[in-house]
Protein backbone atom coordinates (compact mmCIF):
# COMPACT_ATOMS: atom_id res chain seq x y z
CA UNK A 1 0.00 0.00 0.00
CA UNK A 2 2.84 2.41 0.86
CA UNK A 3 4.47 1.81 -2.53
CA UNK A 4 1.18 2.61 -4.29
CA UNK A 5 0.73 5.84 -2.31
CA UNK A 6 4.30 6.88 -3.05
CA UNK A 7 3.86 6.07 -6.74
CA UNK A 8 0.65 8.10 -6.96
CA UNK A 9 2.41 11.04 -5.29
CA UNK A 10 5.40 10.74 -7.61
CA UNK A 11 3.32 11.37 -10.75
CA UNK A 12 2.21 14.97 -10.02
CA UNK A 13 5.49 15.85 -8.27
CA UNK A 14 7.73 14.67 -11.10
CA UNK A 15 5.60 15.57 -14.11
CA UNK A 16 4.41 18.82 -12.55
CA UNK A 17 7.98 19.85 -11.81
CA UNK A 18 9.16 18.68 -15.23
CA UNK A 19 6.80 21.00 -17.08
CA UNK A 20 8.55 24.29 -16.22
CA UNK A 21 11.96 22.64 -16.73
CA UNK A 22 10.99 21.50 -20.24
CA UNK A 23 9.53 24.90 -21.12
CA UNK A 24 12.71 26.60 -19.92
CA UNK A 25 14.78 24.01 -21.81
CA UNK A 26 12.97 24.90 -25.02
CA UNK A 27 13.83 28.57 -24.56
CA UNK A 28 17.44 27.80 -23.70
CA UNK A 29 17.81 25.39 -26.64
CA UNK A 30 17.01 28.18 -29.10
CA UNK A 31 20.15 30.03 -28.02
CA UNK A 32 22.63 27.57 -26.54
CA UNK A 33 23.63 23.94 -27.04
CA UNK A 34 25.68 24.05 -23.83
CA UNK A 35 22.62 25.37 -22.03
CA UNK A 36 20.57 22.51 -23.49
CA UNK A 37 23.01 19.99 -22.05
CA UNK A 38 22.82 21.72 -18.67
CA UNK A 39 19.02 21.69 -18.66
CA UNK A 40 18.91 18.01 -19.61
CA UNK A 41 21.13 17.16 -16.67
CA UNK A 42 19.03 19.38 -14.40
CA UNK A 43 15.88 17.50 -15.47
CA UNK A 44 17.57 14.15 -14.85
CA UNK A 45 18.77 15.26 -11.44
CA UNK A 46 15.25 16.43 -10.59
CA UNK A 47 13.96 12.99 -11.62
CA UNK A 48 16.51 11.33 -9.33
CA UNK A 49 15.59 13.70 -6.49
CA UNK A 50 11.91 12.74 -6.87
CA UNK A 51 12.76 9.03 -7.12
CA UNK A 52 14.90 9.19 -3.99
CA UNK A 53 12.74 11.30 -1.70
CA UNK A 54 9.26 10.37 -2.93
CA UNK A 55 9.70 6.74 -4.00
CA UNK A 56 12.67 5.77 -1.85
CA UNK A 57 14.74 4.70 -4.87
CA UNK A 58 18.49 5.20 -5.11
CA UNK A 59 21.00 4.05 -7.73
CA UNK A 60 24.43 2.49 -7.32
CA UNK A 61 27.08 2.27 -10.04
CA UNK A 62 29.44 -0.69 -9.79
CA UNK A 63 32.37 0.04 -12.02
CA UNK A 64 33.30 3.23 -13.84
CA UNK A 65 31.14 5.30 -16.18
CA UNK A 66 33.55 7.31 -18.35
CA UNK A 67 32.56 10.40 -20.31
CA UNK A 68 34.64 9.34 -23.28
CA UNK A 69 33.88 8.41 -26.91
CA UNK A 70 32.80 4.84 -26.14
CA UNK A 71 29.75 2.88 -27.26
CA UNK A 72 27.68 2.04 -24.16
CA UNK A 73 25.04 -0.70 -24.46
CA UNK A 74 22.53 -0.72 -21.60
CA UNK A 75 20.12 -3.37 -20.44
CA UNK A 76 16.61 -1.85 -20.62
CA UNK A 77 14.03 -2.70 -17.95
CA UNK A 78 12.31 0.58 -17.04
CA UNK A 79 11.93 4.26 -17.85
CA UNK A 80 14.22 5.03 -14.90
CA UNK A 81 17.49 4.44 -16.75
CA UNK A 82 16.39 6.33 -19.87
CA UNK A 83 16.14 9.52 -17.82
CA UNK A 84 18.89 8.74 -15.31
CA UNK A 85 21.59 8.32 -17.96
CA UNK A 86 21.48 12.11 -18.45
CA UNK A 87 22.64 12.35 -14.83
CA UNK A 88 25.29 9.65 -14.81
CA UNK A 89 26.86 10.88 -18.07
CA UNK A 90 27.82 14.45 -18.89
CA UNK A 91 26.26 14.87 -22.36
CA UNK A 92 25.56 11.47 -23.90
CA UNK A 93 24.31 10.93 -27.43
CA UNK A 94 21.49 8.41 -27.29
CA UNK A 95 20.42 6.25 -30.24
CA UNK A 96 16.71 5.50 -29.85
CA UNK A 97 13.59 4.87 -31.91
CA UNK A 98 12.67 7.87 -34.06
CA UNK A 99 9.12 7.97 -32.64
CA UNK A 100 10.50 9.75 -29.58
CA UNK A 101 11.40 12.76 -31.71
CA UNK A 102 7.75 13.50 -32.54
CA UNK A 103 6.78 14.05 -28.89
CA UNK A 104 5.67 17.72 -28.81
CA UNK A 105 8.33 20.08 -27.47
CA UNK A 106 10.33 17.33 -25.75
CA UNK A 107 11.27 15.71 -29.06
CA UNK A 108 12.75 18.91 -30.46
CA UNK A 109 14.76 19.52 -27.29
CA UNK A 110 15.99 15.91 -27.29
CA UNK A 111 17.17 16.28 -30.89
CA UNK A 112 19.02 19.49 -30.02
CA UNK A 113 20.69 17.67 -27.13
CA UNK A 114 21.86 14.90 -29.45
CA UNK A 115 19.26 12.14 -29.46
CA UNK A 116 19.56 10.22 -32.72
CA UNK A 117 16.25 8.77 -33.89
CA UNK A 118 16.75 5.53 -35.80
CA UNK A 119 14.20 4.31 -38.34
CA UNK A 120 14.13 0.54 -37.86
CA UNK A 121 12.57 0.11 -41.28
CA UNK A 122 14.77 2.67 -43.02
CA UNK A 123 17.37 0.26 -44.30
CA UNK A 124 20.97 1.10 -45.11
CA UNK A 125 20.39 4.79 -45.85
CA UNK A 126 18.92 5.40 -42.40
CA UNK A 127 21.78 3.49 -40.76
CA UNK A 128 24.42 5.47 -42.65
CA UNK A 129 22.86 8.74 -41.51
CA UNK A 130 22.86 7.60 -37.88
CA UNK A 131 26.50 6.51 -38.12
CA UNK A 132 27.49 9.85 -39.68
CA UNK A 133 25.90 11.77 -36.82
CA UNK A 134 27.28 9.40 -34.19
CA UNK A 135 30.83 9.72 -35.55
CA UNK A 136 30.51 13.50 -35.37
CA UNK A 137 29.56 13.16 -31.69
CA UNK A 138 32.51 10.84 -31.08
CA UNK A 139 34.82 13.42 -32.65
CA UNK A 140 33.48 15.86 -30.03
CA UNK A 141 34.43 13.40 -27.28
CA UNK A 142 30.87 12.36 -26.40
CA UNK A 143 29.80 8.84 -25.37
CA UNK A 144 27.21 7.00 -27.48
CA UNK A 145 24.44 5.12 -25.64
CA UNK A 146 22.07 2.53 -27.07
CA UNK A 147 19.44 0.20 -25.62
CA UNK A 148 20.12 -2.68 -27.99
CA UNK A 149 17.09 -4.74 -26.93
CA UNK A 150 14.86 -2.05 -28.43
CA UNK A 151 12.20 -2.00 -25.72
CA UNK A 152 11.83 -2.61 -21.99
CA UNK A 153 12.09 -6.18 -20.74
CA UNK A 154 10.79 -7.60 -17.48
CA UNK A 155 13.53 -8.43 -15.01
CA UNK A 156 14.78 -11.90 -15.77
CA UNK A 157 13.86 -11.78 -19.45
CA UNK A 158 16.63 -11.99 -22.03
CA UNK A 159 15.27 -10.70 -25.35
CA UNK A 160 17.50 -10.90 -28.39
CA UNK A 161 19.35 -7.76 -29.43
CA UNK A 162 18.03 -5.70 -32.33
CA UNK A 163 19.64 -6.59 -35.65
CA UNK A 164 20.92 -3.05 -36.26
CA UNK A 165 23.02 -3.06 -33.09
CA UNK A 166 25.85 -5.16 -34.56
CA UNK A 167 25.98 -2.88 -37.59
CA UNK A 168 26.34 0.19 -35.39
CA UNK A 169 29.14 -1.48 -33.44
CA UNK A 170 30.96 -2.51 -36.63
CA UNK A 171 30.67 0.85 -38.39
CA UNK A 172 31.52 2.97 -35.34
CA UNK A 173 34.83 1.19 -34.79
CA UNK A 174 35.13 2.20 -31.12
CA UNK A 175 35.31 0.15 -27.90
CA UNK A 176 32.01 -1.02 -26.44
CA UNK A 177 31.02 -1.08 -22.77
CA UNK A 178 28.00 -3.21 -21.75
CA UNK A 179 26.01 -2.14 -18.69
CA UNK A 180 23.79 -4.60 -16.82
CA UNK A 181 21.08 -3.33 -14.49
CA UNK A 182 18.17 -4.55 -12.39
CA UNK A 183 15.71 -1.64 -12.50
CA UNK A 184 12.86 -3.97 -13.44
CA UNK A 185 12.75 -5.27 -9.84
CA UNK A 186 12.09 -1.78 -8.48
CA UNK A 187 10.21 -0.29 -11.43
CA UNK A 188 8.51 -3.08 -13.42
CA UNK A 189 7.25 -2.26 -16.92
CA UNK A 190 3.65 -3.44 -16.49
CA UNK A 191 2.57 -1.28 -13.54
CA UNK A 192 2.94 2.32 -12.38
CA UNK A 193 3.67 1.14 -8.83
CA UNK A 194 7.36 1.46 -8.05
CA UNK A 195 9.02 -0.15 -5.05
CA UNK A 196 11.64 1.45 -2.84
CA UNK A 197 15.15 0.05 -3.01
CA UNK A 198 18.49 0.28 -4.82
CA UNK A 199 18.89 0.04 -8.60
CA UNK A 200 22.30 -1.30 -9.59
CA UNK A 201 24.23 -0.40 -12.72
CA UNK A 202 26.92 -3.04 -13.23
CA UNK A 203 29.49 -1.76 -15.73
CA UNK A 204 31.00 -4.73 -17.56
CA UNK A 205 34.51 -5.07 -19.03
CA UNK A 206 35.22 -3.08 -22.18
CA UNK A 207 35.00 -4.98 -25.46
CA UNK A 208 37.42 -4.14 -28.27
CA UNK A 209 36.20 -3.06 -31.73
CA UNK A 210 36.42 -5.36 -34.72
CA UNK A 211 34.62 -8.52 -33.58
CA UNK A 212 32.30 -10.26 -36.02
CA UNK A 213 28.52 -9.87 -35.71
CA UNK A 214 27.79 -13.20 -34.06
CA UNK A 215 30.57 -12.81 -31.50
CA UNK A 216 29.64 -9.27 -30.47
CA UNK A 217 25.96 -10.17 -30.17
CA UNK A 218 26.72 -13.14 -27.94
CA UNK A 219 29.17 -11.28 -25.72
CA UNK A 220 26.98 -8.21 -25.25
CA UNK A 221 23.85 -10.28 -24.69
CA UNK A 222 25.58 -12.23 -21.92
CA UNK A 223 27.14 -9.11 -20.39
CA UNK A 224 24.02 -6.95 -20.09
CA UNK A 225 22.14 -9.86 -18.49
CA UNK A 226 24.68 -10.38 -15.69
CA UNK A 227 22.17 -9.23 -13.04
CA UNK A 228 19.34 -11.44 -14.30
CA UNK A 229 20.60 -14.64 -12.67
C-alpha atoms as a PDB file:
ATOM      1  CA  UNK A   1       0.000   0.000   0.000  1.00  0.00           C
ATOM      2  CA  UNK A   2       2.837   2.413   0.862  1.00  0.00           C
ATOM      3  CA  UNK A   3       4.467   1.806  -2.527  1.00  0.00           C
ATOM      4  CA  UNK A   4       1.182   2.607  -4.286  1.00  0.00           C
ATOM      5  CA  UNK A   5       0.728   5.838  -2.314  1.00  0.00           C
ATOM      6  CA  UNK A   6       4.302   6.881  -3.054  1.00  0.00           C
ATOM      7  CA  UNK A   7       3.864   6.073  -6.737  1.00  0.00           C
ATOM      8  CA  UNK A   8       0.652   8.096  -6.956  1.00  0.00           C
ATOM      9  CA  UNK A   9       2.409  11.043  -5.291  1.00  0.00           C
ATOM     10  CA  UNK A  10       5.400  10.736  -7.613  1.00  0.00           C
ATOM     11  CA  UNK A  11       3.321  11.365 -10.751  1.00  0.00           C
ATOM     12  CA  UNK A  12       2.213  14.971 -10.016  1.00  0.00           C
ATOM     13  CA  UNK A  13       5.488  15.849  -8.274  1.00  0.00           C
ATOM     14  CA  UNK A  14       7.729  14.666 -11.099  1.00  0.00           C
ATOM     15  CA  UNK A  15       5.600  15.572 -14.113  1.00  0.00           C
ATOM     16  CA  UNK A  16       4.407  18.817 -12.548  1.00  0.00           C
ATOM     17  CA  UNK A  17       7.985  19.849 -11.811  1.00  0.00           C
ATOM     18  CA  UNK A  18       9.158  18.676 -15.226  1.00  0.00           C
ATOM     19  CA  UNK A  19       6.801  20.996 -17.084  1.00  0.00           C
ATOM     20  CA  UNK A  20       8.554  24.293 -16.221  1.00  0.00           C
ATOM     21  CA  UNK A  21      11.961  22.638 -16.729  1.00  0.00           C
ATOM     22  CA  UNK A  22      10.992  21.496 -20.237  1.00  0.00           C
ATOM     23  CA  UNK A  23       9.532  24.899 -21.116  1.00  0.00           C
ATOM     24  CA  UNK A  24      12.712  26.604 -19.925  1.00  0.00           C
ATOM     25  CA  UNK A  25      14.782  24.014 -21.808  1.00  0.00           C
ATOM     26  CA  UNK A  26      12.967  24.902 -25.024  1.00  0.00           C
ATOM     27  CA  UNK A  27      13.828  28.574 -24.564  1.00  0.00           C
ATOM     28  CA  UNK A  28      17.445  27.798 -23.699  1.00  0.00           C
ATOM     29  CA  UNK A  29      17.807  25.387 -26.640  1.00  0.00           C
ATOM     30  CA  UNK A  30      17.007  28.176 -29.097  1.00  0.00           C
ATOM     31  CA  UNK A  31      20.150  30.031 -28.023  1.00  0.00           C
ATOM     32  CA  UNK A  32      22.635  27.568 -26.541  1.00  0.00           C
ATOM     33  CA  UNK A  33      23.632  23.935 -27.040  1.00  0.00           C
ATOM     34  CA  UNK A  34      25.679  24.049 -23.835  1.00  0.00           C
ATOM     35  CA  UNK A  35      22.618  25.369 -22.032  1.00  0.00           C
ATOM     36  CA  UNK A  36      20.569  22.511 -23.488  1.00  0.00           C
ATOM     37  CA  UNK A  37      23.007  19.987 -22.047  1.00  0.00           C
ATOM     38  CA  UNK A  38      22.819  21.724 -18.670  1.00  0.00           C
ATOM     39  CA  UNK A  39      19.016  21.691 -18.658  1.00  0.00           C
ATOM     40  CA  UNK A  40      18.908  18.006 -19.615  1.00  0.00           C
ATOM     41  CA  UNK A  41      21.126  17.156 -16.670  1.00  0.00           C
ATOM     42  CA  UNK A  42      19.026  19.382 -14.400  1.00  0.00           C
ATOM     43  CA  UNK A  43      15.885  17.503 -15.465  1.00  0.00           C
ATOM     44  CA  UNK A  44      17.569  14.148 -14.853  1.00  0.00           C
ATOM     45  CA  UNK A  45      18.773  15.263 -11.438  1.00  0.00           C
ATOM     46  CA  UNK A  46      15.255  16.432 -10.594  1.00  0.00           C
ATOM     47  CA  UNK A  47      13.962  12.994 -11.619  1.00  0.00           C
ATOM     48  CA  UNK A  48      16.513  11.327  -9.335  1.00  0.00           C
ATOM     49  CA  UNK A  49      15.591  13.698  -6.492  1.00  0.00           C
ATOM     50  CA  UNK A  50      11.910  12.739  -6.865  1.00  0.00           C
ATOM     51  CA  UNK A  51      12.764   9.034  -7.120  1.00  0.00           C
ATOM     52  CA  UNK A  52      14.901   9.191  -3.993  1.00  0.00           C
ATOM     53  CA  UNK A  53      12.738  11.304  -1.701  1.00  0.00           C
ATOM     54  CA  UNK A  54       9.258  10.374  -2.926  1.00  0.00           C
ATOM     55  CA  UNK A  55       9.702   6.745  -4.004  1.00  0.00           C
ATOM     56  CA  UNK A  56      12.672   5.769  -1.847  1.00  0.00           C
ATOM     57  CA  UNK A  57      14.740   4.701  -4.873  1.00  0.00           C
ATOM     58  CA  UNK A  58      18.491   5.196  -5.113  1.00  0.00           C
ATOM     59  CA  UNK A  59      20.998   4.048  -7.730  1.00  0.00           C
ATOM     60  CA  UNK A  60      24.425   2.494  -7.316  1.00  0.00           C
ATOM     61  CA  UNK A  61      27.080   2.266 -10.037  1.00  0.00           C
ATOM     62  CA  UNK A  62      29.438  -0.693  -9.786  1.00  0.00           C
ATOM     63  CA  UNK A  63      32.373   0.040 -12.021  1.00  0.00           C
ATOM     64  CA  UNK A  64      33.300   3.234 -13.842  1.00  0.00           C
ATOM     65  CA  UNK A  65      31.144   5.301 -16.179  1.00  0.00           C
ATOM     66  CA  UNK A  66      33.549   7.308 -18.352  1.00  0.00           C
ATOM     67  CA  UNK A  67      32.561  10.400 -20.311  1.00  0.00           C
ATOM     68  CA  UNK A  68      34.638   9.343 -23.277  1.00  0.00           C
ATOM     69  CA  UNK A  69      33.878   8.407 -26.910  1.00  0.00           C
ATOM     70  CA  UNK A  70      32.796   4.844 -26.140  1.00  0.00           C
ATOM     71  CA  UNK A  71      29.749   2.879 -27.256  1.00  0.00           C
ATOM     72  CA  UNK A  72      27.680   2.037 -24.160  1.00  0.00           C
ATOM     73  CA  UNK A  73      25.039  -0.699 -24.461  1.00  0.00           C
ATOM     74  CA  UNK A  74      22.529  -0.717 -21.598  1.00  0.00           C
ATOM     75  CA  UNK A  75      20.117  -3.375 -20.445  1.00  0.00           C
ATOM     76  CA  UNK A  76      16.613  -1.854 -20.618  1.00  0.00           C
ATOM     77  CA  UNK A  77      14.029  -2.697 -17.954  1.00  0.00           C
ATOM     78  CA  UNK A  78      12.314   0.581 -17.035  1.00  0.00           C
ATOM     79  CA  UNK A  79      11.935   4.256 -17.845  1.00  0.00           C
ATOM     80  CA  UNK A  80      14.218   5.034 -14.899  1.00  0.00           C
ATOM     81  CA  UNK A  81      17.491   4.442 -16.747  1.00  0.00           C
ATOM     82  CA  UNK A  82      16.389   6.327 -19.866  1.00  0.00           C
ATOM     83  CA  UNK A  83      16.137   9.522 -17.821  1.00  0.00           C
ATOM     84  CA  UNK A  84      18.892   8.739 -15.313  1.00  0.00           C
ATOM     85  CA  UNK A  85      21.592   8.319 -17.962  1.00  0.00           C
ATOM     86  CA  UNK A  86      21.477  12.111 -18.453  1.00  0.00           C
ATOM     87  CA  UNK A  87      22.645  12.353 -14.833  1.00  0.00           C
ATOM     88  CA  UNK A  88      25.286   9.646 -14.809  1.00  0.00           C
ATOM     89  CA  UNK A  89      26.857  10.877 -18.066  1.00  0.00           C
ATOM     90  CA  UNK A  90      27.824  14.449 -18.894  1.00  0.00           C
ATOM     91  CA  UNK A  91      26.255  14.873 -22.358  1.00  0.00           C
ATOM     92  CA  UNK A  92      25.558  11.471 -23.905  1.00  0.00           C
ATOM     93  CA  UNK A  93      24.307  10.932 -27.435  1.00  0.00           C
ATOM     94  CA  UNK A  94      21.487   8.407 -27.293  1.00  0.00           C
ATOM     95  CA  UNK A  95      20.423   6.246 -30.236  1.00  0.00           C
ATOM     96  CA  UNK A  96      16.713   5.503 -29.845  1.00  0.00           C
ATOM     97  CA  UNK A  97      13.594   4.872 -31.907  1.00  0.00           C
ATOM     98  CA  UNK A  98      12.672   7.867 -34.063  1.00  0.00           C
ATOM     99  CA  UNK A  99       9.122   7.966 -32.644  1.00  0.00           C
ATOM    100  CA  UNK A 100      10.499   9.748 -29.577  1.00  0.00           C
ATOM    101  CA  UNK A 101      11.400  12.759 -31.706  1.00  0.00           C
ATOM    102  CA  UNK A 102       7.752  13.495 -32.539  1.00  0.00           C
ATOM    103  CA  UNK A 103       6.780  14.052 -28.888  1.00  0.00           C
ATOM    104  CA  UNK A 104       5.672  17.718 -28.806  1.00  0.00           C
ATOM    105  CA  UNK A 105       8.331  20.083 -27.469  1.00  0.00           C
ATOM    106  CA  UNK A 106      10.326  17.330 -25.745  1.00  0.00           C
ATOM    107  CA  UNK A 107      11.266  15.705 -29.055  1.00  0.00           C
ATOM    108  CA  UNK A 108      12.749  18.914 -30.460  1.00  0.00           C
ATOM    109  CA  UNK A 109      14.760  19.521 -27.289  1.00  0.00           C
ATOM    110  CA  UNK A 110      15.990  15.911 -27.290  1.00  0.00           C
ATOM    111  CA  UNK A 111      17.174  16.276 -30.888  1.00  0.00           C
ATOM    112  CA  UNK A 112      19.021  19.488 -30.017  1.00  0.00           C
ATOM    113  CA  UNK A 113      20.686  17.670 -27.126  1.00  0.00           C
ATOM    114  CA  UNK A 114      21.861  14.902 -29.449  1.00  0.00           C
ATOM    115  CA  UNK A 115      19.260  12.138 -29.455  1.00  0.00           C
ATOM    116  CA  UNK A 116      19.555  10.225 -32.721  1.00  0.00           C
ATOM    117  CA  UNK A 117      16.251   8.769 -33.889  1.00  0.00           C
ATOM    118  CA  UNK A 118      16.746   5.528 -35.798  1.00  0.00           C
ATOM    119  CA  UNK A 119      14.201   4.308 -38.337  1.00  0.00           C
ATOM    120  CA  UNK A 120      14.126   0.541 -37.860  1.00  0.00           C
ATOM    121  CA  UNK A 121      12.568   0.112 -41.285  1.00  0.00           C
ATOM    122  CA  UNK A 122      14.766   2.672 -43.023  1.00  0.00           C
ATOM    123  CA  UNK A 123      17.370   0.258 -44.297  1.00  0.00           C
ATOM    124  CA  UNK A 124      20.967   1.101 -45.112  1.00  0.00           C
ATOM    125  CA  UNK A 125      20.391   4.785 -45.849  1.00  0.00           C
ATOM    126  CA  UNK A 126      18.919   5.402 -42.396  1.00  0.00           C
ATOM    127  CA  UNK A 127      21.777   3.492 -40.760  1.00  0.00           C
ATOM    128  CA  UNK A 128      24.423   5.470 -42.652  1.00  0.00           C
ATOM    129  CA  UNK A 129      22.857   8.744 -41.514  1.00  0.00           C
ATOM    130  CA  UNK A 130      22.859   7.604 -37.884  1.00  0.00           C
ATOM    131  CA  UNK A 131      26.500   6.510 -38.118  1.00  0.00           C
ATOM    132  CA  UNK A 132      27.489   9.849 -39.684  1.00  0.00           C
ATOM    133  CA  UNK A 133      25.899  11.770 -36.820  1.00  0.00           C
ATOM    134  CA  UNK A 134      27.278   9.396 -34.187  1.00  0.00           C
ATOM    135  CA  UNK A 135      30.827   9.722 -35.547  1.00  0.00           C
ATOM    136  CA  UNK A 136      30.509  13.503 -35.371  1.00  0.00           C
ATOM    137  CA  UNK A 137      29.562  13.164 -31.689  1.00  0.00           C
ATOM    138  CA  UNK A 138      32.514  10.837 -31.079  1.00  0.00           C
ATOM    139  CA  UNK A 139      34.825  13.420 -32.645  1.00  0.00           C
ATOM    140  CA  UNK A 140      33.476  15.857 -30.028  1.00  0.00           C
ATOM    141  CA  UNK A 141      34.434  13.396 -27.279  1.00  0.00           C
ATOM    142  CA  UNK A 142      30.867  12.359 -26.404  1.00  0.00           C
ATOM    143  CA  UNK A 143      29.798   8.838 -25.367  1.00  0.00           C
ATOM    144  CA  UNK A 144      27.211   7.000 -27.483  1.00  0.00           C
ATOM    145  CA  UNK A 145      24.439   5.122 -25.635  1.00  0.00           C
ATOM    146  CA  UNK A 146      22.075   2.528 -27.075  1.00  0.00           C
ATOM    147  CA  UNK A 147      19.444   0.200 -25.618  1.00  0.00           C
ATOM    148  CA  UNK A 148      20.121  -2.678 -27.993  1.00  0.00           C
ATOM    149  CA  UNK A 149      17.094  -4.743 -26.933  1.00  0.00           C
ATOM    150  CA  UNK A 150      14.864  -2.049 -28.431  1.00  0.00           C
ATOM    151  CA  UNK A 151      12.204  -1.999 -25.717  1.00  0.00           C
ATOM    152  CA  UNK A 152      11.833  -2.613 -21.995  1.00  0.00           C
ATOM    153  CA  UNK A 153      12.095  -6.181 -20.742  1.00  0.00           C
ATOM    154  CA  UNK A 154      10.791  -7.599 -17.480  1.00  0.00           C
ATOM    155  CA  UNK A 155      13.529  -8.429 -15.013  1.00  0.00           C
ATOM    156  CA  UNK A 156      14.784 -11.904 -15.769  1.00  0.00           C
ATOM    157  CA  UNK A 157      13.856 -11.779 -19.449  1.00  0.00           C
ATOM    158  CA  UNK A 158      16.633 -11.987 -22.032  1.00  0.00           C
ATOM    159  CA  UNK A 159      15.271 -10.704 -25.352  1.00  0.00           C
ATOM    160  CA  UNK A 160      17.503 -10.898 -28.390  1.00  0.00           C
ATOM    161  CA  UNK A 161      19.355  -7.755 -29.425  1.00  0.00           C
ATOM    162  CA  UNK A 162      18.033  -5.699 -32.327  1.00  0.00           C
ATOM    163  CA  UNK A 163      19.639  -6.592 -35.652  1.00  0.00           C
ATOM    164  CA  UNK A 164      20.921  -3.052 -36.257  1.00  0.00           C
ATOM    165  CA  UNK A 165      23.017  -3.056 -33.092  1.00  0.00           C
ATOM    166  CA  UNK A 166      25.847  -5.164 -34.555  1.00  0.00           C
ATOM    167  CA  UNK A 167      25.985  -2.883 -37.588  1.00  0.00           C
ATOM    168  CA  UNK A 168      26.335   0.192 -35.388  1.00  0.00           C
ATOM    169  CA  UNK A 169      29.144  -1.478 -33.441  1.00  0.00           C
ATOM    170  CA  UNK A 170      30.956  -2.507 -36.634  1.00  0.00           C
ATOM    171  CA  UNK A 171      30.670   0.847 -38.386  1.00  0.00           C
ATOM    172  CA  UNK A 172      31.523   2.970 -35.342  1.00  0.00           C
ATOM    173  CA  UNK A 173      34.833   1.186 -34.793  1.00  0.00           C
ATOM    174  CA  UNK A 174      35.130   2.204 -31.124  1.00  0.00           C
ATOM    175  CA  UNK A 175      35.315   0.153 -27.903  1.00  0.00           C
ATOM    176  CA  UNK A 176      32.008  -1.023 -26.439  1.00  0.00           C
ATOM    177  CA  UNK A 177      31.019  -1.078 -22.768  1.00  0.00           C
ATOM    178  CA  UNK A 178      28.003  -3.209 -21.750  1.00  0.00           C
ATOM    179  CA  UNK A 179      26.006  -2.139 -18.691  1.00  0.00           C
ATOM    180  CA  UNK A 180      23.785  -4.598 -16.823  1.00  0.00           C
ATOM    181  CA  UNK A 181      21.077  -3.328 -14.486  1.00  0.00           C
ATOM    182  CA  UNK A 182      18.168  -4.545 -12.394  1.00  0.00           C
ATOM    183  CA  UNK A 183      15.710  -1.641 -12.499  1.00  0.00           C
ATOM    184  CA  UNK A 184      12.856  -3.974 -13.436  1.00  0.00           C
ATOM    185  CA  UNK A 185      12.747  -5.267  -9.843  1.00  0.00           C
ATOM    186  CA  UNK A 186      12.089  -1.784  -8.480  1.00  0.00           C
ATOM    187  CA  UNK A 187      10.209  -0.287 -11.432  1.00  0.00           C
ATOM    188  CA  UNK A 188       8.506  -3.085 -13.423  1.00  0.00           C
ATOM    189  CA  UNK A 189       7.252  -2.263 -16.917  1.00  0.00           C
ATOM    190  CA  UNK A 190       3.654  -3.443 -16.493  1.00  0.00           C
ATOM    191  CA  UNK A 191       2.575  -1.284 -13.540  1.00  0.00           C
ATOM    192  CA  UNK A 192       2.940   2.318 -12.381  1.00  0.00           C
ATOM    193  CA  UNK A 193       3.672   1.138  -8.828  1.00  0.00           C
ATOM    194  CA  UNK A 194       7.361   1.460  -8.051  1.00  0.00           C
ATOM    195  CA  UNK A 195       9.017  -0.148  -5.047  1.00  0.00           C
ATOM    196  CA  UNK A 196      11.644   1.455  -2.840  1.00  0.00           C
ATOM    197  CA  UNK A 197      15.151   0.052  -3.015  1.00  0.00           C
ATOM    198  CA  UNK A 198      18.485   0.282  -4.821  1.00  0.00           C
ATOM    199  CA  UNK A 199      18.890   0.044  -8.597  1.00  0.00           C
ATOM    200  CA  UNK A 200      22.299  -1.295  -9.587  1.00  0.00           C
ATOM    201  CA  UNK A 201      24.228  -0.398 -12.722  1.00  0.00           C
ATOM    202  CA  UNK A 202      26.924  -3.042 -13.226  1.00  0.00           C
ATOM    203  CA  UNK A 203      29.490  -1.765 -15.729  1.00  0.00           C
ATOM    204  CA  UNK A 204      31.002  -4.733 -17.561  1.00  0.00           C
ATOM    205  CA  UNK A 205      34.511  -5.067 -19.027  1.00  0.00           C
ATOM    206  CA  UNK A 206      35.216  -3.083 -22.176  1.00  0.00           C
ATOM    207  CA  UNK A 207      34.998  -4.977 -25.463  1.00  0.00           C
ATOM    208  CA  UNK A 208      37.417  -4.136 -28.268  1.00  0.00           C
ATOM    209  CA  UNK A 209      36.205  -3.064 -31.727  1.00  0.00           C
ATOM    210  CA  UNK A 210      36.424  -5.362 -34.723  1.00  0.00           C
ATOM    211  CA  UNK A 211      34.624  -8.524 -33.581  1.00  0.00           C
ATOM    212  CA  UNK A 212      32.303 -10.258 -36.017  1.00  0.00           C
ATOM    213  CA  UNK A 213      28.523  -9.869 -35.714  1.00  0.00           C
ATOM    214  CA  UNK A 214      27.791 -13.200 -34.059  1.00  0.00           C
ATOM    215  CA  UNK A 215      30.569 -12.814 -31.500  1.00  0.00           C
ATOM    216  CA  UNK A 216      29.642  -9.267 -30.469  1.00  0.00           C
ATOM    217  CA  UNK A 217      25.960 -10.166 -30.169  1.00  0.00           C
ATOM    218  CA  UNK A 218      26.718 -13.139 -27.938  1.00  0.00           C
ATOM    219  CA  UNK A 219      29.172 -11.276 -25.725  1.00  0.00           C
ATOM    220  CA  UNK A 220      26.984  -8.214 -25.250  1.00  0.00           C
ATOM    221  CA  UNK A 221      23.847 -10.284 -24.687  1.00  0.00           C
ATOM    222  CA  UNK A 222      25.576 -12.227 -21.917  1.00  0.00           C
ATOM    223  CA  UNK A 223      27.144  -9.111 -20.388  1.00  0.00           C
ATOM    224  CA  UNK A 224      24.018  -6.948 -20.093  1.00  0.00           C
ATOM    225  CA  UNK A 225      22.140  -9.856 -18.487  1.00  0.00           C
ATOM    226  CA  UNK A 226      24.681 -10.379 -15.690  1.00  0.00           C
ATOM    227  CA  UNK A 227      22.166  -9.227 -13.036  1.00  0.00           C
ATOM    228  CA  UNK A 228      19.344 -11.442 -14.297  1.00  0.00           C
ATOM    229  CA  UNK A 229      20.600 -14.637 -12.667  1.00  0.00           C
END
